[in-house]
C-alpha cells in the first residue's frame, strides 16, 4: 500500500551556524574590549566535544535556539577585556556577554558597532559610547 506524507520543512536558519568553513573569525577591538561573533568554533574553545555543557549557559542557549531573523544578522559577544587605563572599571566578568546595543541602537552584526562608534566619534555629542550587554551598561570615553 502506497502512503503519501506531507510535512513542512523547517526553513529557519540557525543564528549560530553549524559550519563556517573557510571563514576567519571577525573581531572588533574598541577601548580594550574585544568583540567577536558567536560561532560554533568559538564554543568549541570551551571543549570541542562537550561545548554544550562547558560553554556559558547564555551562549549555549543562543547557539541551540536562536534563528536568523534578518539577512547578515549575527550575535556579537565580548570575547575579552584587555585591561588598560582606557577601560578602568570594566572587569573580565563581562567576557562572553552578548552585546545588545551601542548608543541605544540594537546591534545587527559585527560591522554595526564599528559604524555606530565612528558615527558618535565624528559627532560632538557628550563624548561617550554606551554599550548595553545583557541588561548591563558600559560607558566608554571616546579616544
N, C-alpha and C. Protein backbone atom coordinates (compact mmCIF):
# COMPACT_ATOMS: atom_id res chain seq x y z
N UNK A 1 0.84 -1.18 0.00
CA UNK A 1 0.00 0.00 0.00
C UNK A 1 0.89 1.24 0.00
N UNK A 2 0.62 2.16 -0.90
CA UNK A 2 1.38 3.39 -1.01
C UNK A 2 0.84 4.42 -0.03
N UNK A 3 1.75 5.10 0.63
CA UNK A 3 1.38 6.11 1.62
C UNK A 3 2.10 7.41 1.28
N UNK A 4 1.38 8.51 1.23
CA UNK A 4 1.97 9.82 0.95
C UNK A 4 1.85 10.68 2.20
N UNK A 5 2.97 11.21 2.62
CA UNK A 5 3.00 12.08 3.79
C UNK A 5 3.44 13.47 3.36
N UNK A 6 2.85 14.46 3.97
CA UNK A 6 3.23 15.84 3.72
C UNK A 6 3.72 16.43 5.04
N UNK A 7 4.90 17.04 4.99
CA UNK A 7 5.47 17.62 6.19
C UNK A 7 6.15 18.93 5.83
N UNK A 8 5.86 20.00 6.58
CA UNK A 8 6.54 21.27 6.28
C UNK A 8 8.01 21.16 6.67
N UNK A 9 8.86 21.75 5.86
CA UNK A 9 10.28 21.78 6.16
C UNK A 9 10.60 23.03 6.97
N UNK A 10 11.47 22.86 7.94
CA UNK A 10 11.89 24.00 8.75
C UNK A 10 12.93 24.78 7.97
N UNK A 11 12.56 25.97 7.54
CA UNK A 11 13.45 26.80 6.75
C UNK A 11 14.20 27.81 7.61
N UNK A 12 14.02 27.74 8.93
CA UNK A 12 14.69 28.67 9.82
C UNK A 12 16.16 28.33 9.94
N UNK A 13 17.00 29.25 9.53
CA UNK A 13 18.43 29.04 9.68
C UNK A 13 18.84 29.44 11.08
N UNK A 14 19.73 28.66 11.65
CA UNK A 14 20.22 28.97 12.99
C UNK A 14 21.08 30.23 12.94
N UNK A 15 21.00 31.02 13.97
CA UNK A 15 21.77 32.26 14.04
C UNK A 15 23.25 31.99 14.31
N UNK A 16 23.53 30.83 14.88
CA UNK A 16 24.90 30.39 15.11
C UNK A 16 25.13 29.20 14.20
N UNK A 17 25.68 29.42 13.00
CA UNK A 17 25.80 28.35 12.01
C UNK A 17 26.60 27.16 12.51
N UNK A 18 26.20 25.98 12.04
CA UNK A 18 26.92 24.76 12.40
C UNK A 18 28.31 24.75 11.77
N UNK A 19 28.41 25.26 10.57
CA UNK A 19 29.69 25.23 9.85
C UNK A 19 30.01 26.63 9.34
N UNK A 20 31.25 26.98 9.43
CA UNK A 20 31.71 28.24 8.84
C UNK A 20 33.11 28.02 8.27
N UNK A 21 33.19 27.04 7.38
CA UNK A 21 34.47 26.70 6.76
C UNK A 21 34.99 27.86 5.93
N UNK A 22 36.28 27.95 5.86
CA UNK A 22 36.96 28.96 5.05
C UNK A 22 36.63 30.39 5.47
N UNK A 23 36.20 30.58 6.69
CA UNK A 23 35.94 31.93 7.20
C UNK A 23 36.84 32.19 8.39
N UNK A 24 37.49 33.32 8.38
CA UNK A 24 38.30 33.70 9.52
C UNK A 24 37.41 34.37 10.56
N UNK A 25 37.74 34.25 11.84
CA UNK A 25 36.94 34.93 12.86
C UNK A 25 36.97 36.44 12.65
N UNK A 26 35.85 37.08 12.92
CA UNK A 26 35.76 38.53 12.82
C UNK A 26 35.85 39.13 14.22
N UNK A 27 36.64 40.19 14.35
CA UNK A 27 36.83 40.86 15.63
C UNK A 27 36.70 42.36 15.47
N UNK A 28 36.33 43.00 16.56
CA UNK A 28 36.35 44.46 16.67
C UNK A 28 36.94 44.76 18.03
N UNK A 29 37.97 45.58 18.07
CA UNK A 29 38.56 45.97 19.35
C UNK A 29 38.36 47.47 19.51
N UNK A 30 37.72 47.84 20.61
CA UNK A 30 37.48 49.24 20.91
C UNK A 30 37.68 49.44 22.41
N UNK A 31 38.52 50.39 22.77
CA UNK A 31 38.80 50.72 24.17
C UNK A 31 39.19 49.48 24.97
N UNK A 32 39.93 48.58 24.33
CA UNK A 32 40.38 47.37 25.00
C UNK A 32 39.33 46.29 25.14
N UNK A 33 38.15 46.51 24.58
CA UNK A 33 37.09 45.50 24.62
C UNK A 33 37.14 44.75 23.29
N UNK A 34 37.31 43.44 23.36
CA UNK A 34 37.39 42.61 22.16
C UNK A 34 36.02 41.99 21.90
N UNK A 35 35.40 42.41 20.80
CA UNK A 35 34.11 41.87 20.38
C UNK A 35 34.34 40.85 19.27
N UNK A 36 33.53 39.82 19.23
CA UNK A 36 33.59 38.83 18.15
C UNK A 36 32.19 38.29 17.89
N UNK A 37 32.08 37.47 16.87
CA UNK A 37 30.80 36.86 16.50
C UNK A 37 30.70 35.50 17.19
N UNK A 38 29.55 35.22 17.77
CA UNK A 38 29.32 33.90 18.36
C UNK A 38 29.25 32.87 17.24
N UNK A 39 30.10 31.86 17.33
CA UNK A 39 30.13 30.80 16.32
C UNK A 39 30.34 29.46 17.03
N UNK A 40 30.11 28.39 16.30
CA UNK A 40 30.38 27.07 16.88
C UNK A 40 31.86 26.91 17.20
N UNK A 41 32.72 27.47 16.36
CA UNK A 41 34.15 27.38 16.64
C UNK A 41 34.51 28.10 17.94
N UNK A 42 33.86 29.22 18.21
CA UNK A 42 34.08 29.91 19.47
C UNK A 42 33.65 29.01 20.63
N UNK A 43 32.51 28.38 20.49
CA UNK A 43 32.01 27.49 21.55
C UNK A 43 32.90 26.26 21.72
N UNK A 44 33.46 25.77 20.61
CA UNK A 44 34.37 24.62 20.69
C UNK A 44 35.60 24.94 21.53
N UNK A 45 35.92 26.20 21.68
CA UNK A 45 37.05 26.60 22.50
C UNK A 45 36.88 26.24 23.97
N UNK A 46 35.65 26.04 24.40
CA UNK A 46 35.40 25.65 25.79
C UNK A 46 35.60 24.15 25.97
N UNK A 47 35.36 23.37 24.94
CA UNK A 47 35.60 21.93 24.89
C UNK A 47 34.89 21.44 23.64
N UNK A 48 35.63 21.01 22.66
CA UNK A 48 35.04 20.69 21.36
C UNK A 48 33.94 19.64 21.45
N UNK A 49 34.16 18.61 22.23
CA UNK A 49 33.17 17.52 22.30
C UNK A 49 32.03 17.81 23.27
N UNK A 50 32.29 18.61 24.26
CA UNK A 50 31.25 18.87 25.27
C UNK A 50 30.96 20.35 25.43
N UNK A 51 31.04 21.11 24.34
CA UNK A 51 30.79 22.55 24.40
C UNK A 51 29.41 22.84 24.95
N UNK A 52 28.45 21.95 24.65
CA UNK A 52 27.06 22.16 25.10
C UNK A 52 26.91 22.01 26.62
N UNK A 53 27.98 21.58 27.29
CA UNK A 53 27.98 21.50 28.76
C UNK A 53 29.00 22.46 29.38
N UNK A 54 30.07 22.74 28.67
CA UNK A 54 31.18 23.51 29.23
C UNK A 54 31.10 25.01 28.94
N UNK A 55 30.48 25.39 27.85
CA UNK A 55 30.39 26.81 27.49
C UNK A 55 29.39 27.52 28.42
N UNK A 56 29.45 28.84 28.51
CA UNK A 56 28.48 29.58 29.32
C UNK A 56 27.05 29.31 28.85
N UNK A 57 26.15 29.17 29.80
CA UNK A 57 24.76 28.81 29.52
C UNK A 57 24.08 29.78 28.56
N UNK A 58 24.34 31.08 28.72
CA UNK A 58 23.70 32.05 27.82
C UNK A 58 24.10 31.80 26.37
N UNK A 59 25.35 31.43 26.14
CA UNK A 59 25.82 31.18 24.77
C UNK A 59 25.29 29.86 24.23
N UNK A 60 25.20 28.86 25.09
CA UNK A 60 24.64 27.56 24.67
C UNK A 60 23.20 27.75 24.21
N UNK A 61 22.41 28.47 25.00
CA UNK A 61 21.00 28.70 24.64
C UNK A 61 20.88 29.44 23.32
N UNK A 62 21.71 30.43 23.10
CA UNK A 62 21.67 31.16 21.83
C UNK A 62 22.05 30.25 20.66
N UNK A 63 23.06 29.43 20.86
CA UNK A 63 23.52 28.54 19.78
C UNK A 63 22.45 27.53 19.40
N UNK A 64 21.72 27.05 20.37
CA UNK A 64 20.75 25.99 20.11
C UNK A 64 19.36 26.50 19.73
N UNK A 65 19.02 27.71 20.14
CA UNK A 65 17.62 28.15 20.00
C UNK A 65 17.41 29.44 19.21
N UNK A 66 18.46 30.09 18.75
CA UNK A 66 18.29 31.35 18.02
C UNK A 66 18.22 31.10 16.52
N UNK A 67 17.31 31.81 15.87
CA UNK A 67 17.14 31.67 14.42
C UNK A 67 17.34 33.00 13.74
N UNK A 68 17.86 32.93 12.54
CA UNK A 68 18.12 34.10 11.72
C UNK A 68 16.81 34.83 11.42
N UNK A 69 16.77 36.12 11.77
CA UNK A 69 15.58 36.94 11.51
C UNK A 69 15.79 37.85 10.31
N UNK A 70 17.04 38.28 10.11
CA UNK A 70 17.36 39.21 9.03
C UNK A 70 18.65 38.77 8.34
N UNK A 71 18.78 39.14 7.09
CA UNK A 71 19.99 38.85 6.34
C UNK A 71 21.19 39.51 7.02
N UNK A 72 22.29 38.82 7.10
CA UNK A 72 23.55 39.31 7.70
C UNK A 72 23.48 39.51 9.21
N UNK A 73 22.48 38.97 9.86
CA UNK A 73 22.36 39.08 11.32
C UNK A 73 23.39 38.17 11.98
N UNK A 74 24.01 38.66 13.05
CA UNK A 74 24.97 37.89 13.83
C UNK A 74 24.79 38.22 15.31
N UNK A 75 25.23 37.30 16.16
CA UNK A 75 25.26 37.57 17.60
C UNK A 75 26.67 38.04 17.92
N UNK A 76 26.78 39.25 18.46
CA UNK A 76 28.07 39.83 18.81
C UNK A 76 28.26 39.69 20.32
N UNK A 77 29.42 39.17 20.70
CA UNK A 77 29.72 38.97 22.12
C UNK A 77 31.05 39.64 22.48
N UNK A 78 31.24 39.83 23.78
CA UNK A 78 32.53 40.30 24.27
C UNK A 78 33.39 39.06 24.49
N UNK A 79 34.51 39.01 23.78
CA UNK A 79 35.44 37.89 23.92
C UNK A 79 36.30 38.06 25.16
N UNK A 80 36.86 39.25 25.32
CA UNK A 80 37.70 39.52 26.48
C UNK A 80 37.88 41.02 26.65
N UNK A 81 38.40 41.38 27.82
CA UNK A 81 38.72 42.77 28.12
C UNK A 81 40.24 42.87 28.27
N UNK A 82 40.87 43.69 27.46
CA UNK A 82 42.30 43.94 27.57
C UNK A 82 42.47 45.09 28.56
N UNK A 83 42.93 44.79 29.75
CA UNK A 83 42.97 45.78 30.82
C UNK A 83 43.93 46.92 30.51
N UNK A 84 43.42 48.13 30.71
CA UNK A 84 44.20 49.34 30.46
C UNK A 84 43.49 50.50 31.16
N UNK A 85 44.17 51.63 31.26
CA UNK A 85 43.55 52.81 31.88
C UNK A 85 42.31 53.25 31.13
N UNK A 86 42.28 53.02 29.81
CA UNK A 86 41.15 53.47 28.99
C UNK A 86 39.85 52.75 29.36
N UNK A 87 39.94 51.55 29.92
CA UNK A 87 38.72 50.82 30.28
C UNK A 87 38.68 50.48 31.77
N UNK A 88 39.28 51.35 32.56
CA UNK A 88 39.30 51.16 34.01
C UNK A 88 37.87 50.96 34.53
N UNK A 89 37.69 49.94 35.34
CA UNK A 89 36.38 49.66 35.92
C UNK A 89 35.57 48.63 35.15
N UNK A 90 36.01 48.30 33.95
CA UNK A 90 35.32 47.25 33.18
C UNK A 90 36.05 45.95 33.46
N UNK A 91 35.37 45.02 34.10
CA UNK A 91 36.05 43.80 34.53
C UNK A 91 35.90 42.68 33.50
N UNK A 92 36.70 41.65 33.69
CA UNK A 92 36.64 40.49 32.80
C UNK A 92 35.35 39.70 33.01
N UNK A 93 34.55 40.08 34.00
CA UNK A 93 33.24 39.44 34.21
C UNK A 93 32.33 39.64 33.02
N UNK A 94 32.62 40.64 32.20
CA UNK A 94 31.79 40.91 31.02
C UNK A 94 32.10 39.96 29.86
N UNK A 95 33.18 39.20 29.95
CA UNK A 95 33.52 38.26 28.88
C UNK A 95 32.37 37.28 28.67
N UNK A 96 32.12 36.94 27.43
CA UNK A 96 31.06 36.02 27.00
C UNK A 96 29.66 36.61 27.17
N UNK A 97 29.58 37.92 27.31
CA UNK A 97 28.28 38.60 27.35
C UNK A 97 27.89 39.04 25.95
N UNK A 98 26.60 39.05 25.69
CA UNK A 98 26.10 39.45 24.37
C UNK A 98 25.95 40.96 24.32
N UNK A 99 26.50 41.56 23.27
CA UNK A 99 26.34 43.00 23.03
C UNK A 99 24.97 43.21 22.40
N UNK A 100 24.12 43.96 23.08
CA UNK A 100 22.76 44.18 22.58
C UNK A 100 22.60 45.50 21.84
N UNK A 101 23.13 46.59 22.43
CA UNK A 101 23.00 47.90 21.78
C UNK A 101 24.30 48.68 21.90
N UNK A 102 24.49 49.61 20.98
CA UNK A 102 25.54 50.62 21.07
C UNK A 102 24.84 51.96 20.90
N UNK A 103 25.00 52.81 21.91
CA UNK A 103 24.36 54.13 21.90
C UNK A 103 22.85 54.04 21.67
N UNK A 104 22.24 53.00 22.27
CA UNK A 104 20.79 52.82 22.22
C UNK A 104 20.27 52.16 20.96
N UNK A 105 21.15 51.79 20.04
CA UNK A 105 20.72 51.17 18.78
C UNK A 105 21.04 49.68 18.81
N UNK A 106 20.04 48.86 18.51
CA UNK A 106 20.20 47.41 18.53
C UNK A 106 21.22 46.97 17.47
N UNK A 107 22.12 46.09 17.88
CA UNK A 107 23.20 45.61 17.02
C UNK A 107 22.70 44.53 16.08
N UNK A 108 23.10 44.62 14.80
CA UNK A 108 22.71 43.64 13.79
C UNK A 108 23.82 42.62 13.51
N UNK A 109 25.08 43.08 13.50
CA UNK A 109 26.20 42.20 13.19
C UNK A 109 27.49 42.87 13.67
N UNK A 110 28.63 42.23 13.44
CA UNK A 110 29.91 42.71 13.95
C UNK A 110 30.33 44.05 13.33
N UNK A 111 29.88 44.35 12.14
CA UNK A 111 30.24 45.62 11.49
C UNK A 111 29.44 46.79 12.04
N UNK A 112 28.26 46.52 12.54
CA UNK A 112 27.35 47.56 13.01
C UNK A 112 27.93 48.39 14.17
N UNK A 113 28.50 47.76 15.23
CA UNK A 113 29.06 48.58 16.32
C UNK A 113 30.15 49.54 15.84
N UNK A 114 30.99 49.08 14.91
CA UNK A 114 32.05 49.96 14.39
C UNK A 114 31.46 51.19 13.72
N UNK A 115 30.40 50.99 12.95
CA UNK A 115 29.73 52.11 12.28
C UNK A 115 29.16 53.09 13.30
N UNK A 116 28.54 52.56 14.34
CA UNK A 116 27.92 53.41 15.36
C UNK A 116 28.97 54.15 16.19
N UNK A 117 30.08 53.49 16.48
CA UNK A 117 31.17 54.13 17.22
C UNK A 117 31.77 55.26 16.39
N UNK A 118 32.01 54.99 15.12
CA UNK A 118 32.55 56.03 14.22
C UNK A 118 31.61 57.22 14.13
N UNK A 119 30.33 56.93 14.10
CA UNK A 119 29.33 57.99 13.98
C UNK A 119 29.39 58.95 15.16
N UNK A 120 29.45 58.42 16.39
CA UNK A 120 29.50 59.30 17.56
C UNK A 120 30.88 59.94 17.71
N UNK A 121 31.93 59.24 17.26
CA UNK A 121 33.28 59.81 17.33
C UNK A 121 33.41 61.03 16.44
N UNK A 122 32.68 61.05 15.35
CA UNK A 122 32.71 62.18 14.42
C UNK A 122 31.70 63.27 14.79
N UNK A 123 30.95 63.03 15.85
CA UNK A 123 29.91 63.94 16.28
C UNK A 123 30.36 64.58 17.59
N UNK A 124 29.94 65.75 17.88
CA UNK A 124 30.31 66.42 19.13
C UNK A 124 29.24 66.19 20.19
N UNK A 125 28.91 64.95 20.46
CA UNK A 125 27.91 64.61 21.47
C UNK A 125 28.54 64.77 22.85
N UNK A 126 28.18 63.96 23.80
CA UNK A 126 28.71 64.08 25.15
C UNK A 126 30.05 63.35 25.34
N UNK A 127 30.57 62.73 24.29
CA UNK A 127 31.88 62.10 24.37
C UNK A 127 31.90 60.69 24.90
N UNK A 128 30.75 60.05 25.00
CA UNK A 128 30.70 58.68 25.50
C UNK A 128 30.03 57.77 24.48
N UNK A 129 30.54 56.55 24.41
CA UNK A 129 29.84 55.48 23.71
C UNK A 129 29.21 54.61 24.78
N UNK A 130 27.98 54.21 24.56
CA UNK A 130 27.25 53.41 25.54
C UNK A 130 27.01 52.02 24.97
N UNK A 131 27.51 51.02 25.67
CA UNK A 131 27.35 49.63 25.26
C UNK A 131 26.41 48.96 26.26
N UNK A 132 25.35 48.36 25.76
CA UNK A 132 24.45 47.61 26.64
C UNK A 132 24.66 46.13 26.36
N UNK A 133 25.01 45.41 27.42
CA UNK A 133 25.21 43.98 27.29
C UNK A 133 24.32 43.27 28.29
N UNK A 134 23.43 42.48 27.78
CA UNK A 134 22.53 41.69 28.62
C UNK A 134 22.06 42.46 29.86
N UNK A 135 21.43 43.61 29.60
CA UNK A 135 20.81 44.45 30.63
C UNK A 135 21.80 45.15 31.55
N UNK A 136 23.06 45.22 31.16
CA UNK A 136 24.05 45.99 31.90
C UNK A 136 24.61 47.03 30.94
N UNK A 137 25.07 48.14 31.48
CA UNK A 137 25.57 49.21 30.61
C UNK A 137 27.05 49.48 30.90
N UNK A 138 27.79 49.72 29.82
CA UNK A 138 29.19 50.11 29.91
C UNK A 138 29.31 51.45 29.19
N UNK A 139 30.00 52.40 29.82
CA UNK A 139 30.24 53.70 29.20
C UNK A 139 31.72 53.82 28.89
N UNK A 140 32.03 54.32 27.74
CA UNK A 140 33.43 54.46 27.34
C UNK A 140 33.66 55.85 26.77
N UNK A 141 34.71 56.53 27.28
CA UNK A 141 35.12 57.82 26.70
C UNK A 141 35.59 57.59 25.28
N UNK A 142 35.32 58.54 24.41
CA UNK A 142 35.85 58.50 23.06
C UNK A 142 37.33 58.84 23.13
N UNK A 143 38.13 58.14 22.35
CA UNK A 143 39.57 58.37 22.34
C UNK A 143 39.94 59.23 21.17
